[in-house]
Amino acid sequence: MPALSPRARNKKTILDEKCFKIFSELSRDGRVGVRCLGRRLGLSHPVVSERLRSLLGSGFLRVLPCFNLGKLGLRLVAISVDVGSREDLTLLVEKLRSCRWVVLLFTLAGEYNLLVVLAVKDLSFVECLVGKRIRGMPGVKKLSIGLVGEPVSPGFIPLSQGFFDGEEPVCGESCDQCSDYLERRCPGCTPLTPNTTNVINHD
């Protein structure tokens, strides 16, 4: 993908037929190169590069790697949360944005007003995360936790960089001083490595 210039970030983009053809091609193969994309669309690669810069800079498009969570030993957990006020909801959303285990975050209309989807290695970790990052936050009235089956469509989901090289515990508490970790109720916030599996052993 072409690099963004400050001009591209600030330039207003008007969507036209060519933009939607680019969307179509990228949805089929996000790894397609600019020259190949140009050949498919009948456009020169400088024109395609400029269109991509404009779409990226305007926030219409972001290209990310997606992962098969099952093959990485990750389970999805959906948490529906009812938060009292708009201010408390905003505060909770900002707190959860920094959590590397959160893969999807939606506001809702209805009985609950926030949906949090986690990808975790160990289900025992969920209650600790909920207790420290959600349940005790201002305005949280109730929540519901459900285990999600393997994704059917899309089968691949983006993961943050923190999944693979994050070091700081997402709860803000050092593992070696945490009673949940020391008493084996929490597996800790170790990033994904070749040595980590669904079952975490502290020994």
N, C-alpha and C. Protein backbone atom coordinates (compact mmCIF):
# COMPACT_ATOMS: atom_id res chain seq x y z
N MET A 1 0.83 -1.19 0.00
CA MET A 1 0.00 0.00 0.00
C MET A 1 0.87 1.25 0.00
N PRO A 2 0.47 2.30 -0.71
CA PRO A 2 1.27 3.52 -0.77
C PRO A 2 1.30 4.23 0.57
N ALA A 3 2.45 4.90 0.85
CA ALA A 3 2.57 5.67 2.09
C ALA A 3 1.70 6.92 2.02
N LEU A 4 1.24 7.36 3.20
CA LEU A 4 0.39 8.54 3.27
C LEU A 4 1.21 9.79 3.47
N SER A 5 0.90 10.82 2.71
CA SER A 5 1.49 12.14 2.92
C SER A 5 0.51 12.98 3.73
N PRO A 6 0.99 14.06 4.40
CA PRO A 6 0.06 14.94 5.13
C PRO A 6 -1.04 15.47 4.23
N ARG A 7 -0.71 15.74 2.96
CA ARG A 7 -1.72 16.24 2.03
C ARG A 7 -2.82 15.20 1.80
N ALA A 8 -2.40 13.91 1.67
CA ALA A 8 -3.39 12.85 1.45
C ALA A 8 -4.30 12.68 2.65
N ARG A 9 -3.75 12.88 3.86
CA ARG A 9 -4.57 12.73 5.07
C ARG A 9 -5.65 13.79 5.15
N ASN A 10 -5.36 14.97 4.63
CA ASN A 10 -6.29 16.09 4.76
C ASN A 10 -7.18 16.28 3.53
N LYS A 11 -6.87 15.58 2.45
CA LYS A 11 -7.61 15.78 1.21
C LYS A 11 -8.99 15.12 1.29
N LYS A 12 -10.01 15.84 0.85
CA LYS A 12 -11.36 15.30 0.85
C LYS A 12 -11.53 14.34 -0.32
N THR A 13 -12.09 13.17 -0.04
CA THR A 13 -12.28 12.15 -1.07
C THR A 13 -13.74 12.05 -1.46
N ILE A 14 -14.00 12.05 -2.76
CA ILE A 14 -15.35 11.84 -3.28
C ILE A 14 -15.40 10.45 -3.88
N LEU A 15 -16.27 9.60 -3.35
CA LEU A 15 -16.35 8.23 -3.84
C LEU A 15 -17.02 8.19 -5.21
N ASP A 16 -16.38 7.48 -6.13
CA ASP A 16 -16.95 7.30 -7.46
C ASP A 16 -16.87 5.82 -7.82
N GLU A 17 -17.20 5.50 -9.06
CA GLU A 17 -17.23 4.10 -9.49
C GLU A 17 -15.87 3.43 -9.36
N LYS A 18 -14.79 4.17 -9.65
CA LYS A 18 -13.45 3.59 -9.55
C LYS A 18 -13.11 3.22 -8.11
N CYS A 19 -13.54 4.06 -7.16
CA CYS A 19 -13.29 3.77 -5.75
C CYS A 19 -13.96 2.46 -5.34
N PHE A 20 -15.20 2.27 -5.79
CA PHE A 20 -15.91 1.05 -5.42
C PHE A 20 -15.34 -0.17 -6.11
N LYS A 21 -14.75 0.00 -7.29
CA LYS A 21 -14.06 -1.11 -7.94
C LYS A 21 -12.80 -1.48 -7.14
N ILE A 22 -12.12 -0.47 -6.61
CA ILE A 22 -10.96 -0.74 -5.75
C ILE A 22 -11.40 -1.49 -4.50
N PHE A 23 -12.51 -1.06 -3.88
CA PHE A 23 -13.04 -1.76 -2.71
C PHE A 23 -13.32 -3.23 -3.04
N SER A 24 -13.93 -3.45 -4.20
CA SER A 24 -14.29 -4.81 -4.61
C SER A 24 -13.05 -5.68 -4.76
N GLU A 25 -12.02 -5.15 -5.42
CA GLU A 25 -10.80 -5.93 -5.64
C GLU A 25 -10.08 -6.21 -4.32
N LEU A 26 -10.02 -5.22 -3.44
CA LEU A 26 -9.32 -5.42 -2.16
C LEU A 26 -10.09 -6.37 -1.25
N SER A 27 -11.42 -6.37 -1.33
CA SER A 27 -12.19 -7.30 -0.52
C SER A 27 -11.97 -8.74 -0.98
N ARG A 28 -11.62 -8.90 -2.26
CA ARG A 28 -11.33 -10.23 -2.80
C ARG A 28 -9.91 -10.66 -2.45
N ASP A 29 -8.97 -9.71 -2.49
CA ASP A 29 -7.57 -10.02 -2.20
C ASP A 29 -6.90 -8.76 -1.68
N GLY A 30 -6.77 -8.66 -0.35
CA GLY A 30 -6.19 -7.47 0.26
C GLY A 30 -4.70 -7.34 0.02
N ARG A 31 -4.05 -8.39 -0.51
CA ARG A 31 -2.60 -8.35 -0.75
C ARG A 31 -2.26 -7.92 -2.17
N VAL A 32 -3.26 -7.64 -2.98
CA VAL A 32 -3.00 -7.32 -4.39
C VAL A 32 -2.12 -6.07 -4.49
N GLY A 33 -1.13 -6.12 -5.38
CA GLY A 33 -0.23 -4.99 -5.57
C GLY A 33 -0.87 -3.89 -6.40
N VAL A 34 -0.26 -2.71 -6.34
CA VAL A 34 -0.82 -1.55 -7.04
C VAL A 34 -0.82 -1.78 -8.55
N ARG A 35 0.25 -2.33 -9.10
CA ARG A 35 0.32 -2.56 -10.55
C ARG A 35 -0.74 -3.56 -11.00
N CYS A 36 -0.89 -4.65 -10.22
CA CYS A 36 -1.89 -5.66 -10.56
C CYS A 36 -3.30 -5.07 -10.45
N LEU A 37 -3.51 -4.26 -9.42
CA LEU A 37 -4.80 -3.61 -9.24
C LEU A 37 -5.10 -2.69 -10.41
N GLY A 38 -4.08 -1.98 -10.88
CA GLY A 38 -4.26 -1.10 -12.02
C GLY A 38 -4.64 -1.86 -13.28
N ARG A 39 -3.99 -3.02 -13.50
CA ARG A 39 -4.32 -3.83 -14.68
C ARG A 39 -5.76 -4.32 -14.62
N ARG A 40 -6.20 -4.74 -13.44
CA ARG A 40 -7.57 -5.24 -13.31
C ARG A 40 -8.60 -4.14 -13.55
N LEU A 41 -8.24 -2.91 -13.18
CA LEU A 41 -9.19 -1.80 -13.29
C LEU A 41 -9.01 -1.00 -14.58
N GLY A 42 -7.95 -1.31 -15.34
CA GLY A 42 -7.69 -0.55 -16.55
C GLY A 42 -7.18 0.85 -16.27
N LEU A 43 -6.42 1.00 -15.16
CA LEU A 43 -5.88 2.30 -14.76
C LEU A 43 -4.37 2.19 -14.61
N SER A 44 -3.68 3.31 -14.78
CA SER A 44 -2.24 3.32 -14.56
C SER A 44 -1.96 3.19 -13.06
N HIS A 45 -0.79 2.62 -12.72
CA HIS A 45 -0.53 2.43 -11.29
C HIS A 45 -0.35 3.75 -10.54
N PRO A 46 0.14 4.87 -11.17
CA PRO A 46 0.15 6.13 -10.42
C PRO A 46 -1.26 6.61 -10.04
N VAL A 47 -2.22 6.39 -10.95
CA VAL A 47 -3.60 6.78 -10.65
C VAL A 47 -4.15 5.94 -9.50
N VAL A 48 -3.88 4.63 -9.54
CA VAL A 48 -4.35 3.74 -8.47
C VAL A 48 -3.69 4.12 -7.14
N SER A 49 -2.39 4.42 -7.18
CA SER A 49 -1.68 4.81 -5.96
C SER A 49 -2.29 6.06 -5.34
N GLU A 50 -2.60 7.03 -6.18
CA GLU A 50 -3.20 8.27 -5.68
C GLU A 50 -4.58 8.01 -5.09
N ARG A 51 -5.37 7.15 -5.76
CA ARG A 51 -6.70 6.81 -5.23
C ARG A 51 -6.58 6.12 -3.87
N LEU A 52 -5.64 5.19 -3.76
CA LEU A 52 -5.46 4.48 -2.50
C LEU A 52 -5.01 5.43 -1.39
N ARG A 53 -4.09 6.33 -1.70
CA ARG A 53 -3.66 7.31 -0.69
C ARG A 53 -4.84 8.15 -0.21
N SER A 54 -5.67 8.54 -1.16
CA SER A 54 -6.83 9.36 -0.82
C SER A 54 -7.82 8.59 0.05
N LEU A 55 -8.07 7.33 -0.30
CA LEU A 55 -9.01 6.50 0.47
C LEU A 55 -8.47 6.21 1.87
N LEU A 56 -7.18 5.93 1.95
CA LEU A 56 -6.56 5.67 3.26
C LEU A 56 -6.55 6.93 4.11
N GLY A 57 -6.17 8.04 3.50
CA GLY A 57 -6.07 9.30 4.24
C GLY A 57 -7.41 9.82 4.70
N SER A 58 -8.48 9.50 3.97
CA SER A 58 -9.82 9.99 4.33
C SER A 58 -10.53 9.06 5.29
N GLY A 59 -9.90 7.93 5.62
CA GLY A 59 -10.51 7.01 6.58
C GLY A 59 -11.53 6.06 6.00
N PHE A 60 -11.63 5.98 4.66
CA PHE A 60 -12.55 5.03 4.04
C PHE A 60 -11.99 3.62 4.05
N LEU A 61 -10.68 3.50 4.18
CA LEU A 61 -10.04 2.21 3.97
C LEU A 61 -8.86 2.06 4.91
N ARG A 62 -8.70 0.86 5.43
CA ARG A 62 -7.51 0.50 6.20
C ARG A 62 -7.21 -0.96 5.91
N VAL A 63 -6.01 -1.26 5.54
CA VAL A 63 -5.64 -2.63 5.19
C VAL A 63 -4.88 -3.24 6.36
N LEU A 64 -5.41 -4.35 6.90
CA LEU A 64 -4.83 -5.01 8.06
C LEU A 64 -4.69 -6.50 7.81
N PRO A 65 -3.70 -7.15 8.44
CA PRO A 65 -3.66 -8.61 8.39
C PRO A 65 -4.75 -9.19 9.27
N CYS A 66 -5.35 -10.29 8.84
CA CYS A 66 -6.38 -10.96 9.63
C CYS A 66 -5.90 -12.38 9.93
N PHE A 67 -6.39 -12.94 11.04
CA PHE A 67 -5.84 -14.19 11.55
C PHE A 67 -6.95 -15.21 11.80
N ASN A 68 -6.59 -16.48 11.65
CA ASN A 68 -7.47 -17.58 12.01
C ASN A 68 -7.31 -17.82 13.51
N LEU A 69 -8.29 -17.39 14.30
CA LEU A 69 -8.14 -17.44 15.75
C LEU A 69 -8.06 -18.86 16.28
N GLY A 70 -8.82 -19.77 15.65
CA GLY A 70 -8.80 -21.16 16.11
C GLY A 70 -7.42 -21.77 15.99
N LYS A 71 -6.72 -21.50 14.90
CA LYS A 71 -5.39 -22.06 14.70
C LYS A 71 -4.37 -21.46 15.67
N LEU A 72 -4.67 -20.26 16.19
CA LEU A 72 -3.79 -19.63 17.17
C LEU A 72 -4.16 -20.03 18.60
N GLY A 73 -5.17 -20.89 18.75
CA GLY A 73 -5.57 -21.33 20.08
C GLY A 73 -6.34 -20.29 20.86
N LEU A 74 -7.05 -19.39 20.16
CA LEU A 74 -7.80 -18.34 20.82
C LEU A 74 -9.29 -18.65 20.80
N ARG A 75 -9.99 -18.27 21.87
CA ARG A 75 -11.43 -18.42 21.97
C ARG A 75 -12.06 -17.03 22.04
N LEU A 76 -13.23 -16.89 21.42
CA LEU A 76 -13.95 -15.62 21.45
C LEU A 76 -14.99 -15.62 22.56
N VAL A 77 -15.06 -14.51 23.27
CA VAL A 77 -16.05 -14.33 24.33
C VAL A 77 -16.75 -13.00 24.10
N ALA A 78 -18.09 -13.01 24.11
CA ALA A 78 -18.87 -11.79 23.92
C ALA A 78 -19.42 -11.33 25.27
N ILE A 79 -19.24 -10.05 25.56
CA ILE A 79 -19.71 -9.47 26.82
C ILE A 79 -20.63 -8.30 26.49
N SER A 80 -21.89 -8.41 26.88
CA SER A 80 -22.85 -7.32 26.72
C SER A 80 -22.90 -6.53 28.03
N VAL A 81 -22.78 -5.21 27.93
CA VAL A 81 -22.68 -4.37 29.12
C VAL A 81 -23.74 -3.28 29.07
N ASP A 82 -24.38 -3.05 30.20
CA ASP A 82 -25.32 -1.93 30.35
C ASP A 82 -24.64 -0.86 31.19
N VAL A 83 -24.35 0.28 30.57
CA VAL A 83 -23.67 1.38 31.26
C VAL A 83 -24.65 2.54 31.39
N GLY A 84 -24.71 3.15 32.58
CA GLY A 84 -25.75 4.12 32.89
C GLY A 84 -25.75 5.38 32.06
N SER A 85 -24.66 6.13 32.04
CA SER A 85 -24.66 7.43 31.38
C SER A 85 -23.73 7.42 30.17
N ARG A 86 -23.93 8.40 29.29
CA ARG A 86 -23.07 8.53 28.11
C ARG A 86 -21.62 8.78 28.52
N GLU A 87 -21.43 9.57 29.57
CA GLU A 87 -20.07 9.87 30.03
C GLU A 87 -19.37 8.61 30.53
N ASP A 88 -20.09 7.78 31.30
CA ASP A 88 -19.49 6.54 31.80
C ASP A 88 -19.23 5.56 30.66
N LEU A 89 -20.12 5.54 29.67
CA LEU A 89 -19.92 4.68 28.51
C LEU A 89 -18.66 5.09 27.75
N THR A 90 -18.49 6.39 27.55
CA THR A 90 -17.31 6.90 26.85
C THR A 90 -16.03 6.53 27.60
N LEU A 91 -16.07 6.65 28.93
CA LEU A 91 -14.90 6.32 29.75
C LEU A 91 -14.55 4.83 29.63
N LEU A 92 -15.56 3.97 29.66
CA LEU A 92 -15.32 2.53 29.56
C LEU A 92 -14.78 2.17 28.18
N VAL A 93 -15.34 2.76 27.13
CA VAL A 93 -14.87 2.49 25.77
C VAL A 93 -13.40 2.88 25.63
N GLU A 94 -13.03 4.04 26.15
CA GLU A 94 -11.64 4.48 26.06
C GLU A 94 -10.71 3.54 26.82
N LYS A 95 -11.17 3.04 27.95
CA LYS A 95 -10.35 2.10 28.74
C LYS A 95 -10.16 0.79 27.98
N LEU A 96 -11.23 0.31 27.35
CA LEU A 96 -11.16 -0.98 26.65
C LEU A 96 -10.41 -0.88 25.33
N ARG A 97 -10.34 0.31 24.74
CA ARG A 97 -9.58 0.48 23.50
C ARG A 97 -8.13 0.05 23.67
N SER A 98 -7.59 0.26 24.86
CA SER A 98 -6.17 -0.04 25.10
C SER A 98 -5.93 -1.50 25.47
N CYS A 99 -6.99 -2.28 25.60
CA CYS A 99 -6.85 -3.68 25.99
C CYS A 99 -6.58 -4.53 24.75
N ARG A 100 -5.45 -5.20 24.70
CA ARG A 100 -5.09 -5.94 23.49
C ARG A 100 -5.96 -7.17 23.26
N TRP A 101 -6.67 -7.64 24.29
CA TRP A 101 -7.51 -8.82 24.11
C TRP A 101 -8.88 -8.47 23.52
N VAL A 102 -9.20 -7.19 23.43
CA VAL A 102 -10.47 -6.76 22.83
C VAL A 102 -10.30 -6.69 21.32
N VAL A 103 -11.05 -7.52 20.59
CA VAL A 103 -10.93 -7.54 19.13
C VAL A 103 -12.06 -6.78 18.45
N LEU A 104 -13.21 -6.65 19.12
CA LEU A 104 -14.34 -5.91 18.57
C LEU A 104 -15.02 -5.15 19.70
N LEU A 105 -15.47 -3.94 19.39
CA LEU A 105 -16.10 -3.08 20.39
C LEU A 105 -17.22 -2.31 19.69
N PHE A 106 -18.48 -2.53 20.12
CA PHE A 106 -19.63 -1.89 19.48
C PHE A 106 -20.51 -1.23 20.54
N THR A 107 -21.07 -0.08 20.22
CA THR A 107 -22.16 0.45 21.02
C THR A 107 -23.46 -0.15 20.49
N LEU A 108 -24.43 -0.33 21.40
CA LEU A 108 -25.69 -0.99 21.06
C LEU A 108 -26.87 -0.12 21.45
N ALA A 109 -28.04 -0.47 20.91
CA ALA A 109 -29.31 0.12 21.34
C ALA A 109 -30.16 -1.02 21.89
N GLY A 110 -30.74 -0.82 23.07
CA GLY A 110 -31.55 -1.87 23.66
C GLY A 110 -31.22 -2.08 25.12
N GLU A 111 -31.37 -3.32 25.59
CA GLU A 111 -31.15 -3.63 27.00
C GLU A 111 -29.71 -3.36 27.41
N TYR A 112 -28.77 -3.64 26.52
CA TYR A 112 -27.36 -3.37 26.76
C TYR A 112 -26.90 -2.31 25.75
N ASN A 113 -25.93 -1.49 26.14
CA ASN A 113 -25.48 -0.45 25.21
C ASN A 113 -24.02 -0.58 24.79
N LEU A 114 -23.37 -1.70 25.15
CA LEU A 114 -22.00 -1.93 24.70
C LEU A 114 -21.77 -3.42 24.53
N LEU A 115 -21.16 -3.78 23.40
CA LEU A 115 -20.77 -5.17 23.14
C LEU A 115 -19.26 -5.23 23.03
N VAL A 116 -18.66 -6.09 23.86
CA VAL A 116 -17.21 -6.27 23.88
C VAL A 116 -16.91 -7.71 23.48
N VAL A 117 -16.08 -7.90 22.46
CA VAL A 117 -15.69 -9.25 22.05
C VAL A 117 -14.20 -9.42 22.34
N LEU A 118 -13.89 -10.42 23.16
CA LEU A 118 -12.52 -10.71 23.55
C LEU A 118 -12.02 -11.94 22.80
N ALA A 119 -10.72 -11.99 22.55
CA ALA A 119 -10.06 -13.20 22.07
C ALA A 119 -9.05 -13.59 23.13
N VAL A 120 -9.23 -14.75 23.75
CA VAL A 120 -8.39 -15.13 24.89
C VAL A 120 -7.84 -16.53 24.70
N LYS A 121 -6.71 -16.79 25.35
CA LYS A 121 -6.09 -18.11 25.30
C LYS A 121 -6.71 -19.04 26.32
N ASP A 122 -7.15 -18.48 27.43
CA ASP A 122 -7.63 -19.28 28.56
C ASP A 122 -8.92 -18.65 29.08
N LEU A 123 -10.00 -19.42 29.12
CA LEU A 123 -11.29 -18.88 29.53
C LEU A 123 -11.29 -18.44 30.99
N SER A 124 -10.40 -19.00 31.81
CA SER A 124 -10.34 -18.58 33.22
C SER A 124 -9.90 -17.13 33.34
N PHE A 125 -9.28 -16.62 32.28
CA PHE A 125 -8.80 -15.24 32.27
C PHE A 125 -9.95 -14.24 32.17
N VAL A 126 -11.09 -14.70 31.61
CA VAL A 126 -12.19 -13.77 31.30
C VAL A 126 -12.75 -13.13 32.56
N GLU A 127 -13.03 -13.92 33.59
CA GLU A 127 -13.63 -13.37 34.80
C GLU A 127 -12.70 -12.36 35.46
N CYS A 128 -11.40 -12.64 35.43
CA CYS A 128 -10.44 -11.68 36.00
C CYS A 128 -10.45 -10.38 35.21
N LEU A 129 -10.45 -10.51 33.88
CA LEU A 129 -10.45 -9.32 33.03
C LEU A 129 -11.73 -8.51 33.23
N VAL A 130 -12.86 -9.21 33.28
CA VAL A 130 -14.14 -8.53 33.47
C VAL A 130 -14.17 -7.84 34.83
N GLY A 131 -13.68 -8.53 35.86
CA GLY A 131 -13.70 -7.95 37.19
C GLY A 131 -12.84 -6.71 37.32
N LYS A 132 -11.69 -6.71 36.65
CA LYS A 132 -10.75 -5.60 36.81
C LYS A 132 -10.93 -4.50 35.78
N ARG A 133 -11.46 -4.83 34.61
CA ARG A 133 -11.54 -3.83 33.54
C ARG A 133 -12.96 -3.34 33.26
N ILE A 134 -13.98 -4.09 33.70
CA ILE A 134 -15.35 -3.72 33.32
C ILE A 134 -16.26 -3.58 34.54
N ARG A 135 -16.38 -4.65 35.34
CA ARG A 135 -17.40 -4.68 36.39
C ARG A 135 -17.27 -3.52 37.38
N GLY A 136 -16.07 -3.14 37.69
CA GLY A 136 -15.87 -2.09 38.69
C GLY A 136 -15.86 -0.68 38.14
N MET A 137 -16.08 -0.52 36.84
CA MET A 137 -16.06 0.81 36.24
C MET A 137 -17.32 1.60 36.59
N PRO A 138 -17.22 2.93 36.69
CA PRO A 138 -18.39 3.75 37.02
C PRO A 138 -19.53 3.55 36.03
N GLY A 139 -20.74 3.43 36.56
CA GLY A 139 -21.93 3.38 35.72
C GLY A 139 -22.31 2.02 35.20
N VAL A 140 -21.48 0.99 35.42
CA VAL A 140 -21.81 -0.35 34.91
C VAL A 140 -22.92 -0.95 35.78
N LYS A 141 -24.09 -1.19 35.17
CA LYS A 141 -25.24 -1.69 35.91
C LYS A 141 -25.32 -3.21 35.88
N LYS A 142 -25.10 -3.79 34.72
CA LYS A 142 -25.16 -5.24 34.59
C LYS A 142 -24.40 -5.65 33.34
N LEU A 143 -24.08 -6.95 33.28
CA LEU A 143 -23.41 -7.46 32.08
C LEU A 143 -23.76 -8.93 31.90
N SER A 144 -23.57 -9.39 30.69
CA SER A 144 -23.84 -10.78 30.34
C SER A 144 -22.66 -11.31 29.54
N ILE A 145 -22.18 -12.50 29.90
CA ILE A 145 -21.00 -13.08 29.25
C ILE A 145 -21.42 -14.35 28.51
N GLY A 146 -20.99 -14.47 27.26
CA GLY A 146 -21.30 -15.65 26.47
C GLY A 146 -20.11 -16.10 25.65
N LEU A 147 -19.91 -17.41 25.56
CA LEU A 147 -18.84 -17.98 24.75
C LEU A 147 -19.28 -18.00 23.29
N VAL A 148 -18.44 -17.51 22.41
CA VAL A 148 -18.75 -17.46 20.98
C VAL A 148 -18.09 -18.64 20.29
N GLY A 149 -18.81 -19.27 19.37
CA GLY A 149 -18.23 -20.36 18.60
C GLY A 149 -17.19 -19.85 17.61
N GLU A 150 -16.61 -20.76 16.85
CA GLU A 150 -15.60 -20.38 15.87
C GLU A 150 -16.21 -19.49 14.79
N PRO A 151 -15.53 -18.39 14.41
CA PRO A 151 -16.08 -17.51 13.39
C PRO A 151 -16.37 -18.26 12.08
N VAL A 152 -17.53 -18.02 11.52
CA VAL A 152 -17.91 -18.65 10.26
C VAL A 152 -17.64 -17.68 9.11
N SER A 153 -18.13 -16.46 9.24
CA SER A 153 -17.90 -15.44 8.23
C SER A 153 -17.87 -14.07 8.90
N PRO A 154 -16.77 -13.33 8.82
CA PRO A 154 -15.51 -13.75 8.21
C PRO A 154 -14.77 -14.75 9.09
N GLY A 155 -14.01 -15.63 8.48
CA GLY A 155 -13.28 -16.63 9.24
C GLY A 155 -11.99 -16.11 9.83
N PHE A 156 -11.59 -14.90 9.43
CA PHE A 156 -10.34 -14.31 9.90
C PHE A 156 -10.64 -12.94 10.49
N ILE A 157 -9.95 -12.60 11.58
CA ILE A 157 -10.22 -11.36 12.32
C ILE A 157 -8.90 -10.64 12.59
N PRO A 158 -8.88 -9.30 12.48
CA PRO A 158 -7.65 -8.57 12.80
C PRO A 158 -7.30 -8.67 14.28
N LEU A 159 -6.02 -8.71 14.59
CA LEU A 159 -5.54 -8.68 15.97
C LEU A 159 -4.56 -7.52 16.12
N SER A 160 -4.54 -6.92 17.30
CA SER A 160 -3.62 -5.82 17.54
C SER A 160 -2.20 -6.34 17.69
N GLN A 161 -1.24 -5.44 17.52
CA GLN A 161 0.17 -5.82 17.66
C GLN A 161 0.46 -6.33 19.06
N GLY A 162 -0.30 -5.84 20.05
CA GLY A 162 -0.08 -6.25 21.43
C GLY A 162 -0.28 -7.74 21.68
N PHE A 163 -1.03 -8.42 20.81
CA PHE A 163 -1.19 -9.87 20.96
C PHE A 163 0.15 -10.59 20.85
N PHE A 164 1.07 -10.01 20.11
CA PHE A 164 2.31 -10.72 19.78
C PHE A 164 3.54 -10.16 20.50
N ASP A 165 3.48 -8.90 20.93
CA ASP A 165 4.66 -8.36 21.61
C ASP A 165 4.30 -7.47 22.79
N GLY A 166 3.03 -7.50 23.23
CA GLY A 166 2.64 -6.68 24.38
C GLY A 166 3.28 -7.20 25.66
N GLU A 167 3.73 -6.29 26.50
CA GLU A 167 4.39 -6.67 27.74
C GLU A 167 3.62 -6.19 28.97
N GLU A 168 2.99 -5.02 28.89
CA GLU A 168 2.30 -4.48 30.05
C GLU A 168 0.99 -5.21 30.29
N PRO A 169 0.69 -5.63 31.54
CA PRO A 169 -0.61 -6.25 31.83
C PRO A 169 -1.75 -5.29 31.51
N VAL A 170 -2.79 -5.80 30.86
CA VAL A 170 -3.88 -4.92 30.45
C VAL A 170 -4.69 -4.40 31.63
N CYS A 171 -4.62 -5.08 32.78
CA CYS A 171 -5.39 -4.62 33.94
C CYS A 171 -4.66 -3.51 34.69
N GLY A 172 -3.38 -3.27 34.34
CA GLY A 172 -2.61 -2.24 35.00
C GLY A 172 -1.93 -2.70 36.27
N GLU A 173 -2.08 -3.99 36.62
CA GLU A 173 -1.48 -4.52 37.85
C GLU A 173 -0.39 -5.52 37.49
N SER A 174 0.76 -5.42 38.13
CA SER A 174 1.87 -6.32 37.86
C SER A 174 1.50 -7.74 38.26
N CYS A 175 1.79 -8.72 37.38
CA CYS A 175 1.41 -10.11 37.65
C CYS A 175 2.04 -10.64 38.93
N ASP A 176 3.31 -10.27 39.19
CA ASP A 176 3.97 -10.83 40.37
C ASP A 176 3.45 -10.24 41.68
N GLN A 177 2.54 -9.25 41.59
CA GLN A 177 1.92 -8.69 42.78
C GLN A 177 0.41 -8.92 42.79
N CYS A 178 -0.08 -9.73 41.86
CA CYS A 178 -1.52 -9.94 41.69
C CYS A 178 -1.94 -11.26 42.35
N SER A 179 -2.88 -11.20 43.28
CA SER A 179 -3.32 -12.41 43.97
C SER A 179 -4.01 -13.38 43.02
N ASP A 180 -4.74 -12.85 42.01
CA ASP A 180 -5.40 -13.73 41.05
C ASP A 180 -4.38 -14.55 40.26
N TYR A 181 -3.28 -13.92 39.88
CA TYR A 181 -2.24 -14.63 39.15
C TYR A 181 -1.51 -15.61 40.07
N LEU A 182 -1.14 -15.16 41.26
CA LEU A 182 -0.39 -16.00 42.19
C LEU A 182 -1.20 -17.21 42.65
N GLU A 183 -2.53 -17.05 42.72
CA GLU A 183 -3.39 -18.15 43.15
C GLU A 183 -4.00 -18.89 41.96
N ARG A 184 -3.45 -18.64 40.74
CA ARG A 184 -3.78 -19.37 39.52
C ARG A 184 -5.21 -19.17 39.04
N ARG A 185 -5.84 -18.07 39.43
CA ARG A 185 -7.16 -17.76 38.87
C ARG A 185 -7.02 -17.02 37.54
N CYS A 186 -5.85 -16.44 37.30
CA CYS A 186 -5.59 -15.70 36.07
C CYS A 186 -4.30 -16.21 35.44
N PRO A 187 -4.29 -16.48 34.13
CA PRO A 187 -3.08 -16.99 33.49
C PRO A 187 -2.04 -15.91 33.19
N GLY A 188 -2.40 -14.64 33.40
CA GLY A 188 -1.47 -13.57 33.10
C GLY A 188 -1.59 -13.08 31.67
N CYS A 189 -0.93 -11.98 31.38
CA CYS A 189 -1.06 -11.32 30.07
C CYS A 189 0.11 -11.62 29.15
N THR A 190 0.56 -12.85 29.12
CA THR A 190 1.67 -13.19 28.24
C THR A 190 1.22 -13.09 26.79
N PRO A 191 2.03 -12.47 25.91
CA PRO A 191 1.66 -12.37 24.50
C PRO A 191 1.72 -13.73 23.82
N LEU A 192 1.17 -13.81 22.62
CA LEU A 192 1.21 -15.05 21.85
C LEU A 192 2.63 -15.29 21.35
N THR A 193 3.16 -16.46 21.65
CA THR A 193 4.49 -16.87 21.18
C THR A 193 4.40 -18.34 20.79
N PRO A 194 5.45 -18.89 20.16
CA PRO A 194 5.43 -20.33 19.84
C PRO A 194 5.29 -21.22 21.07
N ASN A 195 5.59 -20.68 22.26
CA ASN A 195 5.55 -21.48 23.48
C ASN A 195 4.26 -21.35 24.26
N THR A 196 3.36 -20.43 23.85
CA THR A 196 2.10 -20.27 24.58
C THR A 196 1.01 -21.08 23.91
N THR A 197 0.15 -21.67 24.73
CA THR A 197 -0.96 -22.48 24.22
C THR A 197 -2.22 -22.06 24.94
N ASN A 198 -3.32 -22.78 24.67
CA ASN A 198 -4.57 -22.48 25.36
C ASN A 198 -4.46 -22.66 26.86
N VAL A 199 -3.68 -23.64 27.30
CA VAL A 199 -3.52 -23.91 28.73
C VAL A 199 -2.19 -23.32 29.17
N ILE A 200 -2.25 -22.34 30.05
CA ILE A 200 -1.05 -21.65 30.51
C ILE A 200 -0.58 -22.27 31.82
N ASN A 201 0.69 -22.62 31.88
CA ASN A 201 1.26 -23.22 33.07
C ASN A 201 2.26 -22.24 33.68
N HIS A 202 2.06 -21.86 34.95
CA HIS A 202 2.96 -20.91 35.59
C HIS A 202 4.30 -21.55 35.97
N ASP A 203 4.35 -22.87 36.05
CA ASP A 203 5.57 -23.54 36.54
C ASP A 203 6.68 -23.48 35.50
